[in-house]
Protein backbone atom coordinates (compact mmCIF):
# COMPACT_ATOMS: atom_id res chain seq x y z
CA MET A 1 73.15 29.42 -47.99
CA THR A 2 74.34 27.13 -50.77
CA ALA A 3 73.91 24.13 -48.28
CA GLY A 4 70.44 25.60 -47.35
CA ILE A 5 69.41 25.43 -51.00
CA LEU A 6 70.73 22.24 -51.80
CA ALA A 7 69.31 20.66 -48.68
CA ALA A 8 65.77 22.34 -49.56
CA GLY A 9 66.27 20.55 -53.09
CA GLY A 10 66.91 17.20 -51.21
CA TYR A 11 70.40 16.76 -52.71
CA GLN A 12 72.11 13.66 -50.98
CA ALA A 13 76.03 13.33 -51.72
CA ASN A 14 77.09 10.27 -53.91
CA LYS A 15 73.63 9.06 -54.91
CA VAL A 16 71.79 9.86 -58.15
CA GLN A 17 69.99 13.00 -57.57
CA SER A 18 66.22 13.76 -57.95
CA THR A 19 64.81 16.49 -60.26
CA SER A 20 64.32 18.90 -57.18
CA ALA A 21 68.13 18.41 -56.31
CA LEU A 22 68.90 18.99 -60.07
CA HIS A 23 66.82 22.19 -59.84
CA ALA A 24 68.22 23.31 -56.69
CA ILE A 25 71.75 22.73 -57.75
CA GLU A 26 71.07 24.76 -61.39
CA PHE A 27 69.62 27.70 -59.26
CA ASN A 28 72.21 27.50 -56.79
CA PHE A 29 75.56 27.52 -59.32
CA ILE A 30 73.41 29.57 -62.64
CA TRP A 31 70.75 31.72 -61.41
CA ILE A 32 72.10 33.46 -58.19
CA PRO A 33 75.16 34.40 -59.78
CA ILE A 34 73.66 35.91 -62.58
CA VAL A 35 71.24 37.75 -60.14
CA GLY A 36 74.21 38.96 -58.47
CA PHE A 37 75.98 40.04 -61.34
CA ALA A 38 73.09 41.83 -62.68
CA ILE A 39 72.83 43.84 -59.30
CA ALA A 40 76.21 44.60 -59.37
CA ALA A 41 76.05 46.12 -62.77
CA ILE A 42 73.47 47.97 -62.19
CA ALA A 43 74.77 49.46 -59.41
CA LEU A 44 78.12 50.26 -61.23
CA MET A 45 75.83 52.16 -63.77
CA PHE A 46 75.35 54.84 -61.41
CA TYR A 47 79.04 55.22 -59.99
CA LYS A 48 80.32 58.41 -61.18
CA ALA A 49 83.78 57.46 -61.39
CA ASP A 50 84.76 59.29 -64.29
CA LYS A 51 83.50 62.92 -62.50
CA GLN A 52 85.27 61.97 -59.74
CA GLU A 53 88.61 61.01 -61.24
CA LYS A 54 88.70 64.43 -63.18
CA MET A 55 88.22 66.36 -59.72
CA TYR A 56 90.73 64.22 -58.02
CA LEU A 57 93.00 65.16 -60.70
CA VAL A 58 92.43 68.75 -60.64
CA GLU A 59 92.95 68.55 -56.86
CA LEU A 60 96.22 66.67 -57.33
CA ALA A 61 97.65 69.19 -59.73
CA GLU A 62 96.61 72.23 -57.35
CA ARG A 63 98.47 70.41 -54.58
CA ASN A 64 101.60 69.91 -56.48
CA ALA A 65 101.65 73.47 -57.66
CA LYS A 66 101.14 74.73 -54.16
CA LEU A 67 104.01 72.32 -52.91
CA LYS A 68 106.26 73.23 -55.87
CA SER A 69 105.58 77.34 -55.39
CA GLU A 70 106.74 76.69 -51.61
CA GLU A 71 109.82 75.19 -52.69
């Protein structure tokens, strides 16, 4: 993906870069990561880890109590 974006922008190694190549570099290394992090942050907002953790802790306590009563 990175190589494709740079190639589309006209990037040439070891040469002075054109304006379109500089925009491709900016897009590739600034804007794509920002969009990726934003998508991940939005996805994490919908992840209900706190509720699941409480449920898991209650279940583990019940299992431990059951194991202790069997001893």
